[in-house]
Amino acid sequence: MDDLIQLIAIAAIPVLFAITIHEAAHGYVARHFGDMTAYQQGRISLNPIRHIDPVGTILLPLLTLALGGILFGWAKPVPVNFAALRRPKQDMLWVAIAGPASNLVMALFWGLMIKVAWMFPGGYFTEPLLEMAQIGVKINAILMVLNLLPLPPLDGGRVAVSLLPHRQAYQLSRIEPYGMFILIGLAITPVLGWILTPPVVAVMKFINFIF
């Protein structure tokens, strides 16, 4: 029990920032391309409370940490009115990709923190920083890969809708009301782990290679 509490305390900062910055990035890029919805609702914010979903941000990550499965969760989606974008179909690509791109940047940051921890062996904060940074790399790699799956309403689904011809894009977009149910169904079986593990491991190896 004590080990679980310690793990939660160390994981809290990287998990909250991974989710918060991901969602804020969507809102910031949407504002850049003309949609002020997220800005007007105060969602372009680094305050985690504005983005927390009780189930997706707290309960599911805690359960997956406790059970040792692949870390899984989500935040309260940032509202985006794609019709308000200057070029809705084209600009949707940049709004969608902003979230996974922010996770890549954060994974690189935590990779740098691992190197910093290694530079000060035996320090009082070395072991907690190293554990926190390792979780930071992992959670951001998972969120990046997960959100790039071509399944609406995930970011990868919106990227696909942006890039596909209109007819195919419309057909794919019709999946969106059922997308989260499909994702949860995959998550409660080994299938999601089978899909995510190879690219997540590849991302983590890439970051390890850089640093």
N, C-alpha and C. Protein backbone atom coordinates (compact mmCIF):
# COMPACT_ATOMS: atom_id res chain seq x y z
N MET A 1 0.83 -1.22 0.00
CA MET A 1 0.00 0.00 0.00
C MET A 1 0.86 1.26 0.00
N ASP A 2 1.92 1.23 0.83
CA ASP A 2 2.82 2.39 0.88
C ASP A 2 3.50 2.60 -0.46
N ASP A 3 3.87 1.48 -1.12
CA ASP A 3 4.53 1.59 -2.43
C ASP A 3 3.59 2.21 -3.45
N LEU A 4 2.29 1.86 -3.38
CA LEU A 4 1.31 2.41 -4.31
C LEU A 4 1.14 3.91 -4.08
N ILE A 5 1.05 4.33 -2.82
CA ILE A 5 0.91 5.75 -2.50
C ILE A 5 2.13 6.53 -2.99
N GLN A 6 3.32 5.96 -2.79
CA GLN A 6 4.54 6.62 -3.26
C GLN A 6 4.53 6.73 -4.78
N LEU A 7 4.09 5.67 -5.47
CA LEU A 7 4.03 5.68 -6.93
C LEU A 7 3.07 6.75 -7.42
N ILE A 8 1.89 6.85 -6.77
CA ILE A 8 0.91 7.86 -7.16
C ILE A 8 1.47 9.27 -6.97
N ALA A 9 2.17 9.50 -5.85
CA ALA A 9 2.75 10.81 -5.57
C ALA A 9 3.79 11.19 -6.62
N ILE A 10 4.60 10.24 -7.03
CA ILE A 10 5.64 10.52 -8.03
C ILE A 10 5.02 10.69 -9.42
N ALA A 11 3.98 9.91 -9.73
CA ALA A 11 3.38 9.95 -11.06
C ALA A 11 2.46 11.15 -11.27
N ALA A 12 1.97 11.76 -10.18
CA ALA A 12 0.94 12.79 -10.30
C ALA A 12 1.39 13.96 -11.19
N ILE A 13 2.61 14.47 -10.98
CA ILE A 13 3.05 15.65 -11.74
C ILE A 13 3.19 15.33 -13.22
N PRO A 14 3.93 14.29 -13.63
CA PRO A 14 4.03 14.03 -15.07
C PRO A 14 2.70 13.68 -15.73
N VAL A 15 1.83 12.96 -15.03
CA VAL A 15 0.53 12.60 -15.62
C VAL A 15 -0.34 13.84 -15.81
N LEU A 16 -0.44 14.68 -14.77
CA LEU A 16 -1.28 15.87 -14.87
C LEU A 16 -0.77 16.83 -15.94
N PHE A 17 0.55 17.02 -16.01
CA PHE A 17 1.08 17.93 -17.03
C PHE A 17 0.94 17.34 -18.42
N ALA A 18 1.09 16.04 -18.57
CA ALA A 18 0.93 15.41 -19.88
C ALA A 18 -0.47 15.67 -20.44
N ILE A 19 -1.47 15.52 -19.57
CA ILE A 19 -2.85 15.70 -20.00
C ILE A 19 -3.19 17.18 -20.17
N THR A 20 -2.75 18.01 -19.23
CA THR A 20 -3.09 19.44 -19.23
C THR A 20 -2.49 20.14 -20.45
N ILE A 21 -1.20 19.94 -20.70
CA ILE A 21 -0.56 20.63 -21.81
C ILE A 21 -1.09 20.11 -23.14
N HIS A 22 -1.40 18.82 -23.20
CA HIS A 22 -2.01 18.25 -24.41
C HIS A 22 -3.30 19.00 -24.77
N GLU A 23 -4.18 19.15 -23.80
CA GLU A 23 -5.46 19.79 -24.08
C GLU A 23 -5.29 21.30 -24.34
N ALA A 24 -4.44 21.96 -23.57
CA ALA A 24 -4.21 23.39 -23.79
C ALA A 24 -3.64 23.64 -25.18
N ALA A 25 -2.80 22.73 -25.66
CA ALA A 25 -2.21 22.88 -27.00
C ALA A 25 -3.28 22.88 -28.08
N HIS A 26 -4.28 22.00 -27.94
CA HIS A 26 -5.40 22.00 -28.90
C HIS A 26 -6.08 23.37 -28.92
N GLY A 27 -6.38 23.90 -27.73
CA GLY A 27 -7.08 25.18 -27.65
C GLY A 27 -6.26 26.32 -28.20
N TYR A 28 -4.96 26.31 -27.92
CA TYR A 28 -4.08 27.39 -28.39
C TYR A 28 -4.02 27.40 -29.91
N VAL A 29 -3.84 26.23 -30.52
CA VAL A 29 -3.74 26.16 -31.98
C VAL A 29 -5.09 26.48 -32.62
N ALA A 30 -6.19 26.03 -32.00
CA ALA A 30 -7.52 26.38 -32.53
C ALA A 30 -7.71 27.90 -32.53
N ARG A 31 -7.28 28.57 -31.46
CA ARG A 31 -7.38 30.03 -31.42
C ARG A 31 -6.53 30.65 -32.51
N HIS A 32 -5.35 30.11 -32.75
CA HIS A 32 -4.46 30.64 -33.79
C HIS A 32 -5.13 30.58 -35.16
N PHE A 33 -5.93 29.53 -35.38
CA PHE A 33 -6.57 29.37 -36.68
C PHE A 33 -8.00 29.90 -36.71
N GLY A 34 -8.40 30.65 -35.68
CA GLY A 34 -9.66 31.38 -35.77
C GLY A 34 -10.78 30.95 -34.86
N ASP A 35 -10.66 29.83 -34.16
CA ASP A 35 -11.74 29.38 -33.27
C ASP A 35 -11.44 29.83 -31.84
N MET A 36 -12.28 30.67 -31.29
CA MET A 36 -12.07 31.23 -29.96
C MET A 36 -12.81 30.47 -28.86
N THR A 37 -13.43 29.33 -29.18
CA THR A 37 -14.29 28.62 -28.23
C THR A 37 -13.53 28.25 -26.96
N ALA A 38 -12.40 27.57 -27.09
CA ALA A 38 -11.63 27.14 -25.91
C ALA A 38 -11.13 28.34 -25.12
N TYR A 39 -10.70 29.39 -25.80
CA TYR A 39 -10.21 30.59 -25.13
C TYR A 39 -11.32 31.24 -24.31
N GLN A 40 -12.51 31.35 -24.89
CA GLN A 40 -13.63 31.99 -24.21
C GLN A 40 -14.11 31.17 -23.01
N GLN A 41 -13.88 29.87 -23.03
CA GLN A 41 -14.28 29.01 -21.92
C GLN A 41 -13.16 28.79 -20.91
N GLY A 42 -12.04 29.49 -21.09
CA GLY A 42 -10.94 29.40 -20.14
C GLY A 42 -10.19 28.09 -20.19
N ARG A 43 -10.21 27.40 -21.34
CA ARG A 43 -9.57 26.09 -21.43
C ARG A 43 -8.14 26.16 -21.97
N ILE A 44 -7.69 27.34 -22.41
CA ILE A 44 -6.28 27.47 -22.79
C ILE A 44 -5.54 27.84 -21.51
N SER A 45 -5.32 26.85 -20.69
CA SER A 45 -4.82 27.07 -19.34
C SER A 45 -3.94 25.91 -18.92
N LEU A 46 -2.92 26.21 -18.11
CA LEU A 46 -2.07 25.16 -17.54
C LEU A 46 -2.56 24.74 -16.16
N ASN A 47 -3.75 25.21 -15.77
CA ASN A 47 -4.36 24.79 -14.51
C ASN A 47 -5.00 23.42 -14.72
N PRO A 48 -4.45 22.35 -14.12
CA PRO A 48 -4.99 21.01 -14.36
C PRO A 48 -6.46 20.87 -14.02
N ILE A 49 -6.94 21.64 -13.04
CA ILE A 49 -8.33 21.51 -12.61
C ILE A 49 -9.30 21.78 -13.76
N ARG A 50 -8.91 22.65 -14.68
CA ARG A 50 -9.79 22.98 -15.81
C ARG A 50 -9.92 21.83 -16.81
N HIS A 51 -9.00 20.86 -16.73
CA HIS A 51 -8.98 19.79 -17.74
C HIS A 51 -9.28 18.41 -17.16
N ILE A 52 -9.42 18.32 -15.83
CA ILE A 52 -9.57 17.00 -15.20
C ILE A 52 -10.95 16.40 -15.47
N ASP A 53 -10.94 15.15 -15.90
CA ASP A 53 -12.15 14.33 -15.97
C ASP A 53 -12.04 13.31 -14.84
N PRO A 54 -13.00 13.25 -13.92
CA PRO A 54 -12.85 12.38 -12.74
C PRO A 54 -12.54 10.93 -13.08
N VAL A 55 -13.17 10.41 -14.13
CA VAL A 55 -12.93 9.02 -14.50
C VAL A 55 -11.64 8.88 -15.31
N GLY A 56 -11.53 9.65 -16.40
CA GLY A 56 -10.41 9.48 -17.32
C GLY A 56 -9.08 9.98 -16.80
N THR A 57 -9.09 11.03 -15.96
CA THR A 57 -7.84 11.63 -15.49
C THR A 57 -7.39 11.07 -14.15
N ILE A 58 -8.33 10.58 -13.34
CA ILE A 58 -7.97 10.13 -11.99
C ILE A 58 -8.18 8.63 -11.83
N LEU A 59 -9.42 8.16 -12.02
CA LEU A 59 -9.74 6.76 -11.71
C LEU A 59 -9.00 5.77 -12.60
N LEU A 60 -9.09 5.95 -13.92
CA LEU A 60 -8.46 4.99 -14.83
C LEU A 60 -6.94 4.95 -14.71
N PRO A 61 -6.25 6.11 -14.68
CA PRO A 61 -4.79 6.03 -14.49
C PRO A 61 -4.39 5.35 -13.18
N LEU A 62 -5.15 5.62 -12.09
CA LEU A 62 -4.85 4.97 -10.81
C LEU A 62 -5.04 3.45 -10.90
N LEU A 63 -6.11 3.04 -11.55
CA LEU A 63 -6.37 1.60 -11.71
C LEU A 63 -5.29 0.93 -12.53
N THR A 64 -4.90 1.58 -13.65
CA THR A 64 -3.89 0.96 -14.50
C THR A 64 -2.52 0.95 -13.82
N LEU A 65 -2.22 1.99 -13.02
CA LEU A 65 -0.98 1.98 -12.25
C LEU A 65 -0.99 0.85 -11.22
N ALA A 66 -2.12 0.69 -10.53
CA ALA A 66 -2.23 -0.32 -9.48
C ALA A 66 -2.18 -1.74 -10.06
N LEU A 67 -2.80 -1.93 -11.23
CA LEU A 67 -2.87 -3.26 -11.83
C LEU A 67 -1.66 -3.59 -12.68
N GLY A 68 -0.86 -2.57 -12.99
CA GLY A 68 0.36 -2.80 -13.75
C GLY A 68 0.16 -2.90 -15.25
N GLY A 69 -1.02 -2.50 -15.73
CA GLY A 69 -1.27 -2.53 -17.17
C GLY A 69 -0.70 -1.30 -17.84
N ILE A 70 -1.01 -1.14 -19.13
CA ILE A 70 -0.55 0.03 -19.86
C ILE A 70 -1.30 1.25 -19.35
N LEU A 71 -0.57 2.31 -19.01
CA LEU A 71 -1.17 3.50 -18.41
C LEU A 71 -2.15 4.12 -19.38
N PHE A 72 -3.39 4.31 -18.94
CA PHE A 72 -4.46 4.71 -19.85
C PHE A 72 -5.36 5.73 -19.17
N GLY A 73 -5.77 6.74 -19.93
CA GLY A 73 -6.67 7.75 -19.38
C GLY A 73 -6.91 8.86 -20.39
N TRP A 74 -7.72 9.83 -19.98
CA TRP A 74 -8.00 10.97 -20.85
C TRP A 74 -8.40 12.16 -20.00
N ALA A 75 -8.43 13.32 -20.62
CA ALA A 75 -8.86 14.54 -19.94
C ALA A 75 -10.20 14.99 -20.51
N LYS A 76 -10.77 16.02 -19.91
CA LYS A 76 -11.99 16.62 -20.45
C LYS A 76 -11.62 17.29 -21.77
N PRO A 77 -12.22 16.88 -22.88
CA PRO A 77 -11.79 17.42 -24.18
C PRO A 77 -11.96 18.94 -24.27
N VAL A 78 -10.98 19.59 -24.86
CA VAL A 78 -11.09 21.02 -25.13
C VAL A 78 -12.11 21.22 -26.25
N PRO A 79 -13.08 22.12 -26.05
CA PRO A 79 -14.09 22.33 -27.10
C PRO A 79 -13.49 23.05 -28.30
N VAL A 80 -13.70 22.49 -29.47
CA VAL A 80 -13.24 23.11 -30.72
C VAL A 80 -14.40 23.14 -31.69
N ASN A 81 -14.70 24.33 -32.18
CA ASN A 81 -15.73 24.49 -33.21
C ASN A 81 -15.00 24.53 -34.55
N PHE A 82 -14.93 23.38 -35.21
CA PHE A 82 -14.14 23.30 -36.43
C PHE A 82 -14.70 24.20 -37.53
N ALA A 83 -16.01 24.47 -37.48
CA ALA A 83 -16.61 25.35 -38.48
C ALA A 83 -16.10 26.78 -38.35
N ALA A 84 -15.60 27.14 -37.16
CA ALA A 84 -15.10 28.50 -36.95
C ALA A 84 -13.66 28.67 -37.42
N LEU A 85 -12.98 27.58 -37.75
CA LEU A 85 -11.62 27.69 -38.27
C LEU A 85 -11.64 28.33 -39.65
N ARG A 86 -10.58 29.02 -39.98
CA ARG A 86 -10.56 29.74 -41.26
C ARG A 86 -10.67 28.78 -42.45
N ARG A 87 -10.02 27.65 -42.37
CA ARG A 87 -10.13 26.59 -43.40
C ARG A 87 -10.41 25.29 -42.65
N PRO A 88 -11.67 25.01 -42.35
CA PRO A 88 -12.00 23.94 -41.41
C PRO A 88 -11.32 22.61 -41.68
N LYS A 89 -11.39 22.10 -42.88
CA LYS A 89 -10.84 20.77 -43.16
C LYS A 89 -9.32 20.76 -43.05
N GLN A 90 -8.67 21.78 -43.58
CA GLN A 90 -7.21 21.83 -43.55
C GLN A 90 -6.69 22.16 -42.15
N ASP A 91 -7.31 23.13 -41.48
CA ASP A 91 -6.81 23.57 -40.17
C ASP A 91 -7.08 22.53 -39.09
N MET A 92 -8.08 21.67 -39.31
CA MET A 92 -8.35 20.59 -38.36
C MET A 92 -7.10 19.75 -38.12
N LEU A 93 -6.30 19.57 -39.17
CA LEU A 93 -5.07 18.78 -39.05
C LEU A 93 -4.15 19.35 -37.98
N TRP A 94 -3.94 20.68 -38.02
CA TRP A 94 -2.98 21.31 -37.09
C TRP A 94 -3.53 21.36 -35.67
N VAL A 95 -4.83 21.56 -35.54
CA VAL A 95 -5.45 21.55 -34.20
C VAL A 95 -5.31 20.16 -33.60
N ALA A 96 -5.56 19.12 -34.40
CA ALA A 96 -5.51 17.75 -33.89
C ALA A 96 -4.09 17.33 -33.54
N ILE A 97 -3.13 17.67 -34.40
CA ILE A 97 -1.76 17.20 -34.20
C ILE A 97 -1.07 17.93 -33.05
N ALA A 98 -1.62 19.07 -32.64
CA ALA A 98 -0.98 19.86 -31.57
C ALA A 98 -0.87 19.07 -30.27
N GLY A 99 -1.88 18.28 -29.93
CA GLY A 99 -1.85 17.52 -28.68
C GLY A 99 -0.74 16.48 -28.66
N PRO A 100 -0.71 15.54 -29.64
CA PRO A 100 0.38 14.57 -29.67
C PRO A 100 1.76 15.22 -29.79
N ALA A 101 1.86 16.33 -30.53
CA ALA A 101 3.14 17.02 -30.65
C ALA A 101 3.61 17.54 -29.29
N SER A 102 2.66 18.04 -28.48
CA SER A 102 3.02 18.51 -27.14
C SER A 102 3.51 17.36 -26.27
N ASN A 103 2.92 16.17 -26.45
CA ASN A 103 3.38 15.01 -25.68
C ASN A 103 4.79 14.59 -26.09
N LEU A 104 5.11 14.72 -27.38
CA LEU A 104 6.48 14.41 -27.82
C LEU A 104 7.47 15.38 -27.18
N VAL A 105 7.12 16.67 -27.15
CA VAL A 105 8.00 17.67 -26.54
C VAL A 105 8.20 17.36 -25.06
N MET A 106 7.10 17.00 -24.37
CA MET A 106 7.21 16.68 -22.94
C MET A 106 8.01 15.40 -22.70
N ALA A 107 7.86 14.41 -23.58
CA ALA A 107 8.65 13.19 -23.45
C ALA A 107 10.14 13.52 -23.59
N LEU A 108 10.47 14.41 -24.51
CA LEU A 108 11.87 14.83 -24.67
C LEU A 108 12.36 15.57 -23.42
N PHE A 109 11.47 16.41 -22.85
CA PHE A 109 11.83 17.13 -21.62
C PHE A 109 12.15 16.14 -20.50
N TRP A 110 11.28 15.15 -20.31
CA TRP A 110 11.51 14.19 -19.24
C TRP A 110 12.73 13.31 -19.53
N GLY A 111 13.00 13.08 -20.82
CA GLY A 111 14.23 12.37 -21.18
C GLY A 111 15.46 13.16 -20.75
N LEU A 112 15.39 14.48 -20.92
CA LEU A 112 16.47 15.34 -20.45
C LEU A 112 16.60 15.28 -18.93
N MET A 113 15.46 15.21 -18.23
CA MET A 113 15.50 15.13 -16.77
C MET A 113 16.13 13.82 -16.29
N ILE A 114 15.94 12.74 -17.06
CA ILE A 114 16.62 11.48 -16.73
C ILE A 114 18.13 11.68 -16.79
N LYS A 115 18.58 12.36 -17.84
CA LYS A 115 20.02 12.61 -17.97
C LYS A 115 20.52 13.49 -16.83
N VAL A 116 19.73 14.50 -16.45
CA VAL A 116 20.11 15.36 -15.32
C VAL A 116 20.23 14.54 -14.05
N ALA A 117 19.29 13.63 -13.81
CA ALA A 117 19.33 12.79 -12.61
C ALA A 117 20.59 11.93 -12.59
N TRP A 118 20.96 11.40 -13.76
CA TRP A 118 22.15 10.56 -13.83
C TRP A 118 23.42 11.37 -13.56
N MET A 119 23.38 12.67 -13.80
CA MET A 119 24.56 13.52 -13.60
C MET A 119 24.84 13.78 -12.13
N PHE A 120 23.84 13.51 -11.27
CA PHE A 120 24.01 13.77 -9.83
C PHE A 120 23.68 12.52 -9.02
N PRO A 121 24.47 11.47 -9.21
CA PRO A 121 24.18 10.22 -8.49
C PRO A 121 24.34 10.40 -6.98
N GLY A 122 23.44 9.78 -6.25
CA GLY A 122 23.52 9.84 -4.80
C GLY A 122 22.91 11.07 -4.18
N GLY A 123 22.38 12.02 -5.01
CA GLY A 123 21.75 13.22 -4.48
C GLY A 123 20.42 12.90 -3.82
N TYR A 124 19.96 13.79 -2.95
CA TYR A 124 18.72 13.57 -2.20
C TYR A 124 17.52 13.44 -3.13
N PHE A 125 17.52 14.24 -4.21
CA PHE A 125 16.37 14.23 -5.12
C PHE A 125 16.60 13.36 -6.36
N THR A 126 17.75 12.70 -6.45
CA THR A 126 18.09 11.95 -7.67
C THR A 126 17.09 10.84 -7.96
N GLU A 127 16.84 9.98 -6.95
CA GLU A 127 15.96 8.83 -7.20
C GLU A 127 14.52 9.25 -7.49
N PRO A 128 13.91 10.18 -6.69
CA PRO A 128 12.55 10.63 -7.05
C PRO A 128 12.48 11.28 -8.43
N LEU A 129 13.48 12.10 -8.78
CA LEU A 129 13.49 12.75 -10.09
C LEU A 129 13.60 11.72 -11.20
N LEU A 130 14.46 10.72 -10.99
CA LEU A 130 14.63 9.68 -12.00
C LEU A 130 13.34 8.90 -12.21
N GLU A 131 12.68 8.52 -11.12
CA GLU A 131 11.41 7.79 -11.23
C GLU A 131 10.34 8.64 -11.90
N MET A 132 10.26 9.92 -11.49
CA MET A 132 9.27 10.83 -12.07
C MET A 132 9.52 11.02 -13.57
N ALA A 133 10.79 11.18 -13.94
CA ALA A 133 11.13 11.40 -15.34
C ALA A 133 10.84 10.17 -16.18
N GLN A 134 11.11 8.98 -15.63
CA GLN A 134 10.83 7.75 -16.37
C GLN A 134 9.34 7.58 -16.61
N ILE A 135 8.53 7.92 -15.60
CA ILE A 135 7.07 7.88 -15.79
C ILE A 135 6.65 8.95 -16.80
N GLY A 136 7.30 10.13 -16.73
CA GLY A 136 6.98 11.21 -17.67
C GLY A 136 7.22 10.81 -19.11
N VAL A 137 8.35 10.15 -19.37
CA VAL A 137 8.63 9.68 -20.73
C VAL A 137 7.57 8.68 -21.16
N LYS A 138 7.26 7.74 -20.26
CA LYS A 138 6.32 6.65 -20.61
C LYS A 138 4.91 7.18 -20.86
N ILE A 139 4.39 8.00 -19.94
CA ILE A 139 3.01 8.47 -20.10
C ILE A 139 2.86 9.34 -21.34
N ASN A 140 3.86 10.17 -21.63
CA ASN A 140 3.76 11.02 -22.81
C ASN A 140 3.90 10.22 -24.11
N ALA A 141 4.75 9.18 -24.08
CA ALA A 141 4.85 8.30 -25.25
C ALA A 141 3.53 7.58 -25.49
N ILE A 142 2.91 7.10 -24.40
CA ILE A 142 1.63 6.40 -24.53
C ILE A 142 0.55 7.34 -25.05
N LEU A 143 0.45 8.54 -24.45
CA LEU A 143 -0.59 9.48 -24.89
C LEU A 143 -0.40 9.90 -26.33
N MET A 144 0.85 10.10 -26.75
CA MET A 144 1.11 10.49 -28.13
C MET A 144 0.65 9.39 -29.09
N VAL A 145 1.08 8.16 -28.83
CA VAL A 145 0.74 7.05 -29.72
C VAL A 145 -0.76 6.77 -29.68
N LEU A 146 -1.34 6.74 -28.48
CA LEU A 146 -2.78 6.48 -28.34
C LEU A 146 -3.59 7.50 -29.13
N ASN A 147 -3.25 8.77 -28.98
CA ASN A 147 -4.05 9.80 -29.64
C ASN A 147 -3.83 9.85 -31.14
N LEU A 148 -2.78 9.21 -31.64
CA LEU A 148 -2.55 9.17 -33.09
C LEU A 148 -3.26 8.00 -33.77
N LEU A 149 -3.94 7.15 -32.98
CA LEU A 149 -4.73 6.09 -33.61
C LEU A 149 -5.81 6.73 -34.49
N PRO A 150 -6.00 6.21 -35.71
CA PRO A 150 -6.95 6.83 -36.65
C PRO A 150 -8.41 6.49 -36.33
N LEU A 151 -8.81 6.84 -35.11
CA LEU A 151 -10.16 6.54 -34.65
C LEU A 151 -10.79 7.81 -34.10
N PRO A 152 -11.75 8.41 -34.81
CA PRO A 152 -12.44 9.57 -34.23
C PRO A 152 -13.13 9.16 -32.93
N PRO A 153 -13.13 9.98 -31.87
CA PRO A 153 -12.68 11.38 -31.82
C PRO A 153 -11.23 11.58 -31.41
N LEU A 154 -10.40 10.54 -31.46
CA LEU A 154 -8.98 10.72 -31.14
C LEU A 154 -8.34 11.64 -32.18
N ASP A 155 -7.21 12.23 -31.80
CA ASP A 155 -6.55 13.18 -32.68
C ASP A 155 -6.18 12.56 -34.02
N GLY A 156 -5.74 11.31 -33.99
CA GLY A 156 -5.40 10.63 -35.23
C GLY A 156 -6.59 10.47 -36.16
N GLY A 157 -7.77 10.29 -35.57
CA GLY A 157 -8.99 10.23 -36.39
C GLY A 157 -9.27 11.55 -37.07
N ARG A 158 -9.06 12.65 -36.35
CA ARG A 158 -9.28 13.97 -36.94
C ARG A 158 -8.22 14.29 -38.00
N VAL A 159 -6.99 13.83 -37.77
CA VAL A 159 -5.95 13.99 -38.79
C VAL A 159 -6.36 13.25 -40.06
N ALA A 160 -6.86 12.02 -39.89
CA ALA A 160 -7.29 11.24 -41.05
C ALA A 160 -8.45 11.91 -41.78
N VAL A 161 -9.41 12.44 -41.02
CA VAL A 161 -10.55 13.14 -41.62
C VAL A 161 -10.06 14.36 -42.42
N SER A 162 -9.05 15.05 -41.88
CA SER A 162 -8.50 16.22 -42.57
C SER A 162 -7.80 15.84 -43.87
N LEU A 163 -7.14 14.67 -43.88
CA LEU A 163 -6.31 14.31 -45.04
C LEU A 163 -7.07 13.52 -46.10
N LEU A 164 -8.10 12.79 -45.69
CA LEU A 164 -8.83 11.95 -46.64
C LEU A 164 -9.69 12.79 -47.58
N PRO A 165 -9.99 12.28 -48.79
CA PRO A 165 -10.97 12.94 -49.66
C PRO A 165 -12.32 13.06 -48.95
N HIS A 166 -13.14 13.99 -49.40
CA HIS A 166 -14.37 14.34 -48.67
C HIS A 166 -15.26 13.13 -48.39
N ARG A 167 -15.45 12.26 -49.37
CA ARG A 167 -16.37 11.13 -49.17
C ARG A 167 -15.86 10.19 -48.09
N GLN A 168 -14.58 9.81 -48.18
CA GLN A 168 -13.99 8.90 -47.19
C GLN A 168 -13.89 9.58 -45.81
N ALA A 169 -13.62 10.88 -45.83
CA ALA A 169 -13.55 11.62 -44.56
C ALA A 169 -14.90 11.62 -43.87
N TYR A 170 -15.96 11.81 -44.64
CA TYR A 170 -17.31 11.81 -44.06
C TYR A 170 -17.65 10.44 -43.48
N GLN A 171 -17.29 9.38 -44.21
CA GLN A 171 -17.58 8.02 -43.72
C GLN A 171 -16.83 7.74 -42.43
N LEU A 172 -15.58 8.16 -42.35
CA LEU A 172 -14.81 7.95 -41.13
C LEU A 172 -15.37 8.78 -39.98
N SER A 173 -15.79 10.00 -40.25
CA SER A 173 -16.29 10.88 -39.19
C SER A 173 -17.57 10.34 -38.56
N ARG A 174 -18.30 9.49 -39.28
CA ARG A 174 -19.54 8.92 -38.73
C ARG A 174 -19.27 7.94 -37.59
N ILE A 175 -18.02 7.51 -37.45
CA ILE A 175 -17.66 6.60 -36.36
C ILE A 175 -17.56 7.34 -35.03
N GLU A 176 -17.40 8.68 -35.08
CA GLU A 176 -17.07 9.44 -33.88
C GLU A 176 -17.99 9.18 -32.68
N PRO A 177 -19.31 9.11 -32.82
CA PRO A 177 -20.16 8.88 -31.63
C PRO A 177 -19.86 7.55 -30.92
N TYR A 178 -19.24 6.62 -31.64
CA TYR A 178 -18.97 5.30 -31.06
C TYR A 178 -17.49 5.10 -30.75
N GLY A 179 -16.66 6.10 -31.07
CA GLY A 179 -15.21 5.95 -30.97
C GLY A 179 -14.73 5.62 -29.57
N MET A 180 -15.25 6.33 -28.55
CA MET A 180 -14.80 6.08 -27.19
C MET A 180 -15.23 4.71 -26.69
N PHE A 181 -16.41 4.24 -27.11
CA PHE A 181 -16.85 2.90 -26.72
C PHE A 181 -15.94 1.84 -27.34
N ILE A 182 -15.53 2.07 -28.60
CA ILE A 182 -14.60 1.16 -29.25
C ILE A 182 -13.28 1.14 -28.50
N LEU A 183 -12.80 2.34 -28.12
CA LEU A 183 -11.51 2.46 -27.43
C LEU A 183 -11.55 1.78 -26.06
N ILE A 184 -12.62 2.00 -25.31
CA ILE A 184 -12.75 1.35 -24.00
C ILE A 184 -12.83 -0.16 -24.16
N GLY A 185 -13.55 -0.61 -25.19
CA GLY A 185 -13.62 -2.05 -25.46
C GLY A 185 -12.25 -2.64 -25.74
N LEU A 186 -11.43 -1.91 -26.49
CA LEU A 186 -10.06 -2.37 -26.75
C LEU A 186 -9.22 -2.35 -25.48
N ALA A 187 -9.47 -1.34 -24.61
CA ALA A 187 -8.67 -1.15 -23.40
C ALA A 187 -8.91 -2.25 -22.37
N ILE A 188 -10.11 -2.82 -22.32
CA ILE A 188 -10.40 -3.85 -21.33
C ILE A 188 -10.02 -5.24 -21.83
N THR A 189 -9.46 -5.30 -23.01
CA THR A 189 -8.91 -6.53 -23.56
C THR A 189 -7.42 -6.30 -23.81
N PRO A 190 -6.67 -7.34 -24.10
CA PRO A 190 -5.24 -7.14 -24.38
C PRO A 190 -4.98 -6.42 -25.71
N VAL A 191 -6.02 -6.20 -26.51
CA VAL A 191 -5.81 -5.70 -27.89
C VAL A 191 -5.15 -4.33 -27.90
N LEU A 192 -5.61 -3.41 -27.04
CA LEU A 192 -5.03 -2.07 -27.04
C LEU A 192 -3.54 -2.12 -26.70
N GLY A 193 -3.18 -2.97 -25.75
CA GLY A 193 -1.77 -3.13 -25.41
C GLY A 193 -0.96 -3.66 -26.59
N TRP A 194 -1.54 -4.62 -27.33
CA TRP A 194 -0.85 -5.17 -28.49
C TRP A 194 -0.62 -4.08 -29.54
N ILE A 195 -1.60 -3.19 -29.70
CA ILE A 195 -1.49 -2.13 -30.71
C ILE A 195 -0.48 -1.07 -30.28
N LEU A 196 -0.54 -0.67 -29.00
CA LEU A 196 0.25 0.47 -28.54
C LEU A 196 1.69 0.13 -28.20
N THR A 197 1.93 -1.07 -27.69
CA THR A 197 3.25 -1.38 -27.13
C THR A 197 4.40 -1.20 -28.13
N PRO A 198 4.34 -1.75 -29.35
CA PRO A 198 5.50 -1.59 -30.25
C PRO A 198 5.84 -0.13 -30.56
N PRO A 199 4.87 0.74 -30.95
CA PRO A 199 5.26 2.13 -31.21
C PRO A 199 5.67 2.89 -29.95
N VAL A 200 5.05 2.58 -28.79
CA VAL A 200 5.45 3.24 -27.54
C VAL A 200 6.90 2.88 -27.20
N VAL A 201 7.24 1.61 -27.31
CA VAL A 201 8.61 1.17 -27.04
C VAL A 201 9.58 1.85 -28.01
N ALA A 202 9.16 1.99 -29.27
CA ALA A 202 10.02 2.64 -30.27
C ALA A 202 10.28 4.10 -29.90
N VAL A 203 9.24 4.80 -29.45
CA VAL A 203 9.39 6.20 -29.05
C VAL A 203 10.33 6.31 -27.86
N MET A 204 10.15 5.43 -26.87
CA MET A 204 11.00 5.47 -25.67
C MET A 204 12.46 5.15 -26.01
N LYS A 205 12.68 4.22 -26.93
CA LYS A 205 14.04 3.91 -27.37
C LYS A 205 14.66 5.10 -28.11
N PHE A 206 13.84 5.79 -28.90
CA PHE A 206 14.32 6.98 -29.62
C PHE A 206 14.77 8.06 -28.64
N ILE A 207 13.96 8.28 -27.60
CA ILE A 207 14.32 9.31 -26.60
C ILE A 207 15.57 8.88 -25.84
N ASN A 208 15.68 7.60 -25.51
CA ASN A 208 16.86 7.09 -24.84
C ASN A 208 18.10 7.25 -25.71
N PHE A 209 17.93 7.05 -27.03
CA PHE A 209 19.05 7.21 -27.96
C PHE A 209 19.53 8.66 -28.01
N ILE A 210 18.58 9.61 -27.99
CA ILE A 210 18.93 11.03 -28.06
C ILE A 210 19.73 11.45 -26.84
N PHE A 211 19.31 10.99 -25.66
CA PHE A 211 19.92 11.45 -24.42
C PHE A 211 20.92 10.42 -23.85
